[in-house]
Protein backbone atom coordinates (compact mmCIF):
# COMPACT_ATOMS: atom_id res chain seq x y z
CA MET A 1 8.59 -5.32 -8.16
CA ALA A 2 7.21 -4.47 -11.59
CA ASP A 3 7.28 -0.96 -12.99
CA ALA A 4 4.03 0.13 -11.34
CA ALA A 5 3.67 3.20 -13.55
CA ALA A 6 3.46 0.91 -16.59
CA GLU A 7 0.63 -1.11 -15.07
CA PRO A 8 -3.04 -0.54 -15.90
CA VAL A 9 -5.52 0.82 -13.40
CA PRO A 10 -6.35 -1.95 -10.91
CA ALA A 11 -9.90 -3.20 -10.42
CA ALA A 12 -9.67 -2.26 -6.74
CA VAL A 13 -7.08 -0.92 -4.35
CA ALA A 14 -6.53 -1.64 -0.67
CA VAL A 15 -4.94 1.27 1.17
CA HIS A 16 -2.18 0.61 3.68
CA ASP A 17 -1.95 3.42 6.21
CA PRO A 18 1.58 4.08 7.42
CA ARG A 19 1.46 4.14 11.21
CA HIS A 20 2.48 7.79 11.52
CA LEU A 21 -0.09 8.94 8.98
CA ARG A 22 -2.96 7.19 10.73
CA HIS A 23 -2.09 7.23 14.42
CA VAL A 24 0.03 10.37 14.77
CA GLN A 25 -1.08 12.78 12.05
CA ARG A 26 -4.60 11.30 11.71
CA ALA A 27 -4.54 12.24 8.03
CA HIS A 28 -5.11 8.80 6.49
CA LEU A 29 -8.60 9.43 5.12
CA ALA A 30 -7.33 11.93 2.55
CA VAL A 31 -5.64 9.15 0.57
CA ARG A 32 -8.93 7.28 0.25
CA THR A 33 -10.87 10.41 -0.64
CA VAL A 34 -8.55 11.18 -3.54
CA LEU A 35 -8.17 7.59 -4.79
CA ARG A 36 -11.94 6.93 -4.78
CA ARG A 37 -12.32 9.41 -7.63
CA TYR A 38 -10.28 7.07 -9.84
CA VAL A 39 -10.54 3.50 -8.56
CA PRO A 40 -12.64 1.46 -6.12
CA VAL A 41 -11.01 1.51 -2.68
CA VAL A 42 -11.38 -1.23 -0.09
CA ASP A 43 -10.35 -0.85 3.52
CA LEU A 44 -8.16 -3.29 5.36
CA ASP A 45 -9.86 -4.79 8.39
CA ASP A 46 -6.85 -4.31 10.67
CA ASP A 47 -7.36 -0.91 12.32
CA GLY A 48 -4.16 0.51 10.85
CA LEU A 49 -1.86 -2.34 11.86
CA CYS A 50 1.80 -1.62 11.13
CA CYS A 51 3.26 -3.59 8.22
CA GLY A 52 6.25 -4.58 10.34
CA ALA A 53 8.84 -2.32 8.71
CA GLY A 54 8.58 0.39 11.38
CA GLY A 55 11.55 2.45 10.22
CA ALA A 56 14.55 0.31 11.16
CA TYR A 57 12.42 -2.11 13.19
CA SER A 58 12.40 -4.83 10.54
CA ALA A 59 16.21 -4.71 10.39
CA LEU A 60 16.66 -4.71 14.18
CA GLN A 61 13.93 -7.28 14.90
CA PRO A 62 13.56 -9.27 11.65
CA GLU A 63 11.58 -12.19 13.11
CA LEU A 64 9.07 -9.98 14.87
CA GLY A 65 8.86 -7.64 11.86
CA ALA A 66 8.10 -10.62 9.62
CA ALA A 67 5.42 -11.87 12.02
CA ILE A 68 3.74 -8.45 11.99
CA ARG A 69 3.98 -8.36 8.21
CA ASP A 70 2.30 -11.78 8.03
CA ARG A 71 -0.71 -10.33 9.87
CA LYS A 72 -0.78 -7.42 7.41
CA LEU A 73 -0.56 -9.85 4.47
CA GLN A 74 -3.58 -11.74 5.81
CA ALA A 75 -5.57 -8.49 6.02
CA ILE A 76 -4.57 -7.60 2.46
CA ALA A 77 -5.54 -11.04 1.15
CA GLN A 78 -8.96 -10.80 2.80
CA THR A 79 -9.80 -7.70 0.74
CA GLY A 80 -9.37 -9.43 -2.61
CA ALA A 81 -7.80 -6.24 -3.97
CA PRO A 82 -4.99 -6.96 -6.43
CA VAL A 83 -3.08 -3.78 -5.54
CA VAL A 84 -2.16 -1.98 -2.33
CA ALA A 85 -1.57 1.77 -2.22
CA SER A 86 0.93 3.36 0.13
CA ALA A 87 3.10 6.45 -0.09
CA ASN A 88 5.54 5.32 2.60
CA PRO A 89 8.83 4.04 1.11
CA GLY A 90 9.62 1.76 4.07
CA CYS A 91 6.20 0.12 3.95
CA THR A 92 6.41 -0.15 0.17
CA TRP A 93 9.78 -1.87 0.29
CA PHE A 94 8.82 -4.25 3.11
CA LEU A 95 5.49 -5.31 1.59
CA ALA A 96 6.92 -5.58 -1.94
CA ALA A 97 9.61 -7.91 -0.56
CA ALA A 98 6.75 -10.24 0.42
CA GLY A 99 5.31 -10.17 -3.11
CA VAL A 100 2.65 -7.48 -2.68
CA ASP A 101 1.81 -5.38 -5.75
CA ILE A 102 2.14 -2.06 -3.95
CA ARG A 103 2.02 1.32 -5.67
CA HIS A 104 2.23 4.94 -4.71
CA PRO A 105 -1.25 6.52 -4.83
CA LEU A 106 -0.05 8.96 -7.50
CA GLU A 107 1.00 6.08 -9.75
CA ILE A 108 -2.55 4.77 -9.59
CA ILE A 109 -4.03 8.18 -10.36
CA ASP A 110 -1.57 8.68 -13.23
CA ALA A 111 -2.61 5.36 -14.77
CA ALA A 112 -6.30 6.31 -14.39
CA LEU A 113 -5.82 9.69 -16.04
CA PHE A 114 -3.30 8.89 -18.75
CA GLY A 115 -3.19 5.12 -19.17
CA PRO A 116 -0.03 3.06 -19.02
CA SER A 117 3.25 4.88 -18.71
CA ARG A 118 4.28 7.15 -21.53
CA ARG A 119 7.94 6.51 -20.74
CA PRO A 120 10.03 4.81 -23.47
């Protein structure tokens, strides 16, 4: 995975909702509300489908986890967005392992406010 903080602001962002944020806490809309101030946001047409990581699920059930991830990858591809936003480290790791350009929402906002990374 590339250093996301050094990347420019994407043309559009698809938001991946971690299962707990959407289905348990029901707090997933806040991410979109904040990101829309800085970048166009597109929704995935998958009703909050898990990415397949599911905590330790992908390690305990790798074939099934990969099959679930494949469905998520199809939903991401259908959006046409070059970047996916998610704050969940498990989801980030699992989707990045499949080649997804996935960034924390704050990395996207930082790039919008201050440009590419100011780190040496």
